């Protein structure tokens, strides 16, 4: 990934003093992952986000939405409509009892893509370089709002006896 390589070069050159940490590729965890699994510029890094939405005034969150975010783009394009892909819409009126059953299809599909060609990646045409590339799909983050994170990690929420 171009952003990871640039960040690693900046860290080596400047000891991290004047670096702007403004992207997920700036973090040490993603850089450690990039070194460990040898992320290349051909790989696709995605994030999953789950959030509840209050569609009506004075009512609890009655609709849940999950999206896939393509992280390979620059900051000014990162969260544009074209780089955010809808995954799941869970309608109300109540919170889903087993959120995993709704997220299963998307995560199963992600797993199938990750195992394509024995893990070598998905064959794709790169029009910019006029060649076929192998792009691994890498899940970098699973995010949610305060209410949704308990659905993703199965921990007690902020109302629990020992809240998060």
C-alpha atoms as a PDB file:
ATOM      1  CA  UNK A   1       0.000   0.000   0.000  1.00  0.00           C
ATOM      2  CA  UNK A   2       1.309   3.388  -0.966  1.00  0.00           C
ATOM      3  CA  UNK A   3       0.181   5.009   2.308  1.00  0.00           C
ATOM      4  CA  UNK A   4       1.862   2.341   4.463  1.00  0.00           C
ATOM      5  CA  UNK A   5       5.153   2.576   2.561  1.00  0.00           C
ATOM      6  CA  UNK A   6       5.146   6.384   2.802  1.00  0.00           C
ATOM      7  CA  UNK A   7       4.436   6.252   6.546  1.00  0.00           C
ATOM      8  CA  UNK A   8       7.199   3.690   7.173  1.00  0.00           C
ATOM      9  CA  UNK A   9       9.676   5.824   5.179  1.00  0.00           C
ATOM     10  CA  UNK A  10       8.693   8.926   7.185  1.00  0.00           C
ATOM     11  CA  UNK A  11       9.080   7.084  10.487  1.00  0.00           C
ATOM     12  CA  UNK A  12      12.557   5.868   9.558  1.00  0.00           C
ATOM     13  CA  UNK A  13      13.642   9.299   8.273  1.00  0.00           C
ATOM     14  CA  UNK A  14      12.263  11.513  11.041  1.00  0.00           C
ATOM     15  CA  UNK A  15      11.804   9.306  14.123  1.00  0.00           C
ATOM     16  CA  UNK A  16       8.067  10.052  13.973  1.00  0.00           C
ATOM     17  CA  UNK A  17       8.427  13.593  15.314  1.00  0.00           C
ATOM     18  CA  UNK A  18       6.515  15.700  12.778  1.00  0.00           C
ATOM     19  CA  UNK A  19       4.302  13.049  11.230  1.00  0.00           C
ATOM     20  CA  UNK A  20       0.561  13.691  10.926  1.00  0.00           C
ATOM     21  CA  UNK A  21      -1.322  10.642  12.198  1.00  0.00           C
ATOM     22  CA  UNK A  22      -4.460  11.162  10.133  1.00  0.00           C
ATOM     23  CA  UNK A  23      -5.295   7.781   8.630  1.00  0.00           C
ATOM     24  CA  UNK A  24      -5.632   4.153   9.733  1.00  0.00           C
ATOM     25  CA  UNK A  25      -2.362   3.499   7.904  1.00  0.00           C
ATOM     26  CA  UNK A  26      -0.611   5.844  10.335  1.00  0.00           C
ATOM     27  CA  UNK A  27      -1.203   3.527  13.287  1.00  0.00           C
ATOM     28  CA  UNK A  28       1.417   1.106  14.557  1.00  0.00           C
ATOM     29  CA  UNK A  29      -0.988  -1.871  14.500  1.00  0.00           C
ATOM     30  CA  UNK A  30      -1.699  -1.616  10.768  1.00  0.00           C
ATOM     31  CA  UNK A  31       1.987  -1.048  10.061  1.00  0.00           C
ATOM     32  CA  UNK A  32       2.924  -4.139  12.080  1.00  0.00           C
ATOM     33  CA  UNK A  33       0.283  -6.084  10.139  1.00  0.00           C
ATOM     34  CA  UNK A  34       1.613  -4.701   6.845  1.00  0.00           C
ATOM     35  CA  UNK A  35       5.113  -5.914   7.655  1.00  0.00           C
ATOM     36  CA  UNK A  36       3.958  -9.279   9.014  1.00  0.00           C
ATOM     37  CA  UNK A  37       1.730 -10.286   6.083  1.00  0.00           C
ATOM     38  CA  UNK A  38       3.575  -8.253   3.421  1.00  0.00           C
ATOM     39  CA  UNK A  39       0.749  -5.961   2.293  1.00  0.00           C
ATOM     40  CA  UNK A  40       1.370  -4.735  -1.248  1.00  0.00           C
ATOM     41  CA  UNK A  41      -0.086  -1.922  -3.328  1.00  0.00           C
ATOM     42  CA  UNK A  42      -2.315  -4.469  -5.057  1.00  0.00           C
ATOM     43  CA  UNK A  43      -4.066  -5.561  -1.851  1.00  0.00           C
ATOM     44  CA  UNK A  44      -7.456  -4.180  -0.816  1.00  0.00           C
ATOM     45  CA  UNK A  45      -7.917  -3.078   2.807  1.00  0.00           C
ATOM     46  CA  UNK A  46     -11.505  -2.868   4.071  1.00  0.00           C
ATOM     47  CA  UNK A  47     -13.287  -1.985   7.308  1.00  0.00           C
ATOM     48  CA  UNK A  48     -16.696  -3.051   8.571  1.00  0.00           C
ATOM     49  CA  UNK A  49     -18.900  -0.585  10.454  1.00  0.00           C
ATOM     50  CA  UNK A  50     -22.170  -1.290  12.286  1.00  0.00           C
ATOM     51  CA  UNK A  51     -24.424   1.487  13.584  1.00  0.00           C
ATOM     52  CA  UNK A  52     -27.942   1.916  14.848  1.00  0.00           C
ATOM     53  CA  UNK A  53     -30.075   4.623  13.279  1.00  0.00           C
ATOM     54  CA  UNK A  54     -32.979   6.471  14.827  1.00  0.00           C
ATOM     55  CA  UNK A  55     -35.346   7.054  11.948  1.00  0.00           C
ATOM     56  CA  UNK A  56     -38.119   8.689  13.973  1.00  0.00           C
ATOM     57  CA  UNK A  57     -37.954  11.412  16.602  1.00  0.00           C
ATOM     58  CA  UNK A  58     -38.293  10.309  20.266  1.00  0.00           C
ATOM     59  CA  UNK A  59     -37.739   6.646  19.458  1.00  0.00           C
ATOM     60  CA  UNK A  60     -34.847   4.275  20.158  1.00  0.00           C
ATOM     61  CA  UNK A  61     -32.590   3.118  17.334  1.00  0.00           C
ATOM     62  CA  UNK A  62     -34.918   0.941  15.338  1.00  0.00           C
ATOM     63  CA  UNK A  63     -32.821   0.262  12.237  1.00  0.00           C
ATOM     64  CA  UNK A  64     -29.294  -1.122  12.112  1.00  0.00           C
ATOM     65  CA  UNK A  65     -26.972  -0.578   9.168  1.00  0.00           C
ATOM     66  CA  UNK A  66     -23.606  -2.170   8.381  1.00  0.00           C
ATOM     67  CA  UNK A  67     -21.266  -0.941   5.670  1.00  0.00           C
ATOM     68  CA  UNK A  68     -17.939  -1.908   4.113  1.00  0.00           C
ATOM     69  CA  UNK A  69     -15.417   0.928   3.741  1.00  0.00           C
ATOM     70  CA  UNK A  70     -12.637   0.695   1.147  1.00  0.00           C
ATOM     71  CA  UNK A  71      -9.540   2.132   2.853  1.00  0.00           C
ATOM     72  CA  UNK A  72      -7.180   2.148  -0.139  1.00  0.00           C
ATOM     73  CA  UNK A  73      -8.049   5.687  -1.171  1.00  0.00           C
ATOM     74  CA  UNK A  74      -6.539   9.018  -0.159  1.00  0.00           C
ATOM     75  CA  UNK A  75      -8.095  10.970   2.698  1.00  0.00           C
ATOM     76  CA  UNK A  76     -10.098  13.290   0.448  1.00  0.00           C
ATOM     77  CA  UNK A  77     -11.750  10.238  -1.192  1.00  0.00           C
ATOM     78  CA  UNK A  78     -11.796   7.847   1.771  1.00  0.00           C
ATOM     79  CA  UNK A  79     -15.428   8.172   2.861  1.00  0.00           C
ATOM     80  CA  UNK A  80     -16.976   9.217  -0.420  1.00  0.00           C
ATOM     81  CA  UNK A  81     -20.155   7.488  -1.563  1.00  0.00           C
ATOM     82  CA  UNK A  82     -18.296   5.354  -4.115  1.00  0.00           C
ATOM     83  CA  UNK A  83     -15.929   3.897  -1.467  1.00  0.00           C
ATOM     84  CA  UNK A  84     -18.652   3.021   1.085  1.00  0.00           C
ATOM     85  CA  UNK A  85     -20.568  -0.147   0.232  1.00  0.00           C
ATOM     86  CA  UNK A  86     -23.839  -1.064   1.976  1.00  0.00           C
ATOM     87  CA  UNK A  87     -23.765  -4.495   3.551  1.00  0.00           C
ATOM     88  CA  UNK A  88     -26.743  -5.080   5.833  1.00  0.00           C
ATOM     89  CA  UNK A  89     -29.914  -3.236   6.784  1.00  0.00           C
ATOM     90  CA  UNK A  90     -31.752  -4.654   9.787  1.00  0.00           C
ATOM     91  CA  UNK A  91     -35.191  -3.140  10.219  1.00  0.00           C
ATOM     92  CA  UNK A  92     -36.926  -2.677  13.582  1.00  0.00           C
ATOM     93  CA  UNK A  93     -38.995  -1.977  15.511  1.00  0.00           C
ATOM     94  CA  UNK A  94     -36.755  -3.738  18.061  1.00  0.00           C
ATOM     95  CA  UNK A  95     -33.031  -4.298  18.279  1.00  0.00           C
ATOM     96  CA  UNK A  96     -31.979  -7.586  16.619  1.00  0.00           C
ATOM     97  CA  UNK A  97     -31.510 -10.438  19.081  1.00  0.00           C
ATOM     98  CA  UNK A  98     -28.711 -12.169  17.144  1.00  0.00           C
ATOM     99  CA  UNK A  99     -26.822  -9.600  15.079  1.00  0.00           C
ATOM    100  CA  UNK A 100     -24.317 -12.237  13.960  1.00  0.00           C
ATOM    101  CA  UNK A 101     -26.999 -13.918  11.862  1.00  0.00           C
ATOM    102  CA  UNK A 102     -27.366 -10.705   9.837  1.00  0.00           C
ATOM    103  CA  UNK A 103     -23.616 -10.069   9.519  1.00  0.00           C
ATOM    104  CA  UNK A 104     -22.840 -13.695   8.670  1.00  0.00           C
ATOM    105  CA  UNK A 105     -23.445 -13.389   4.926  1.00  0.00           C
ATOM    106  CA  UNK A 106     -21.052 -10.464   4.455  1.00  0.00           C
ATOM    107  CA  UNK A 107     -18.343 -11.965   6.669  1.00  0.00           C
ATOM    108  CA  UNK A 108     -18.719 -15.355   4.970  1.00  0.00           C
ATOM    109  CA  UNK A 109     -18.300 -13.685   1.582  1.00  0.00           C
ATOM    110  CA  UNK A 110     -15.215 -11.825   2.861  1.00  0.00           C
ATOM    111  CA  UNK A 111     -13.761 -15.127   4.096  1.00  0.00           C
ATOM    112  CA  UNK A 112     -14.404 -16.752   0.697  1.00  0.00           C
ATOM    113  CA  UNK A 113     -12.604 -13.873  -1.057  1.00  0.00           C
ATOM    114  CA  UNK A 114      -9.681 -14.170   1.371  1.00  0.00           C
ATOM    115  CA  UNK A 115      -9.331 -17.878   0.532  1.00  0.00           C
ATOM    116  CA  UNK A 116      -9.514 -17.322  -3.248  1.00  0.00           C
ATOM    117  CA  UNK A 117      -6.563 -18.946  -5.065  1.00  0.00           C
ATOM    118  CA  UNK A 118      -5.338 -20.521  -1.808  1.00  0.00           C
ATOM    119  CA  UNK A 119      -5.010 -17.087  -0.185  1.00  0.00           C
ATOM    120  CA  UNK A 120      -3.008 -15.553  -3.039  1.00  0.00           C
ATOM    121  CA  UNK A 121      -5.783 -13.088  -3.782  1.00  0.00           C
ATOM    122  CA  UNK A 122      -8.517 -12.273  -6.215  1.00  0.00           C
ATOM    123  CA  UNK A 123      -7.517 -11.971  -9.885  1.00  0.00           C
ATOM    124  CA  UNK A 124      -8.377  -8.437 -11.014  1.00  0.00           C
ATOM    125  CA  UNK A 125      -7.648  -6.268 -14.046  1.00  0.00           C
ATOM    126  CA  UNK A 126      -5.671  -3.121 -13.207  1.00  0.00           C
ATOM    127  CA  UNK A 127      -6.521  -0.659 -15.955  1.00  0.00           C
ATOM    128  CA  UNK A 128      -3.899   1.852 -14.777  1.00  0.00           C
ATOM    129  CA  UNK A 129      -1.035  -0.600 -15.391  1.00  0.00           C
ATOM    130  CA  UNK A 130      -2.780  -2.799 -18.016  1.00  0.00           C
ATOM    131  CA  UNK A 131      -2.065  -6.024 -16.149  1.00  0.00           C
ATOM    132  CA  UNK A 132      -3.809  -8.684 -14.094  1.00  0.00           C
ATOM    133  CA  UNK A 133      -3.095  -8.392 -10.373  1.00  0.00           C
ATOM    134  CA  UNK A 134      -3.779 -10.619  -7.386  1.00  0.00           C
ATOM    135  CA  UNK A 135      -5.461  -8.568  -4.684  1.00  0.00           C
ATOM    136  CA  UNK A 136      -5.837  -9.968  -1.184  1.00  0.00           C
ATOM    137  CA  UNK A 137      -8.831  -8.614   0.749  1.00  0.00           C
ATOM    138  CA  UNK A 138      -7.700  -7.593   4.252  1.00  0.00           C
ATOM    139  CA  UNK A 139     -10.117  -6.700   7.059  1.00  0.00           C
ATOM    140  CA  UNK A 140      -8.378  -3.914   8.990  1.00  0.00           C
ATOM    141  CA  UNK A 141     -11.092  -2.687  11.367  1.00  0.00           C
ATOM    142  CA  UNK A 142     -14.510  -3.577  12.686  1.00  0.00           C
ATOM    143  CA  UNK A 143     -16.098  -0.424  14.059  1.00  0.00           C
ATOM    144  CA  UNK A 144     -19.418   0.598  15.577  1.00  0.00           C
ATOM    145  CA  UNK A 145     -21.055   3.258  17.690  1.00  0.00           C
ATOM    146  CA  UNK A 146     -21.312   2.824  21.483  1.00  0.00           C
ATOM    147  CA  UNK A 147     -24.480   0.757  21.218  1.00  0.00           C
ATOM    148  CA  UNK A 148     -23.371  -1.286  18.212  1.00  0.00           C
ATOM    149  CA  UNK A 149     -19.938  -2.258  19.549  1.00  0.00           C
ATOM    150  CA  UNK A 150     -21.572  -4.558  22.098  1.00  0.00           C
ATOM    151  CA  UNK A 151     -23.204  -6.359  19.186  1.00  0.00           C
ATOM    152  CA  UNK A 152     -19.828  -6.855  17.465  1.00  0.00           C
ATOM    153  CA  UNK A 153     -17.631  -7.851  20.401  1.00  0.00           C
ATOM    154  CA  UNK A 154     -20.296  -9.436  22.664  1.00  0.00           C
ATOM    155  CA  UNK A 155     -19.118  -7.497  25.716  1.00  0.00           C
ATOM    156  CA  UNK A 156     -21.358  -5.706  28.178  1.00  0.00           C
ATOM    157  CA  UNK A 157     -22.367  -2.202  27.142  1.00  0.00           C
ATOM    158  CA  UNK A 158     -21.998   1.077  29.006  1.00  0.00           C
ATOM    159  CA  UNK A 159     -25.111   0.306  31.096  1.00  0.00           C
ATOM    160  CA  UNK A 160     -23.657  -2.928  32.507  1.00  0.00           C
ATOM    161  CA  UNK A 161     -22.397  -3.343  36.074  1.00  0.00           C
ATOM    162  CA  UNK A 162     -18.865  -2.952  34.723  1.00  0.00           C
ATOM    163  CA  UNK A 163     -19.472  -1.036  31.553  1.00  0.00           C
ATOM    164  CA  UNK A 164     -16.972  -0.567  28.788  1.00  0.00           C
END
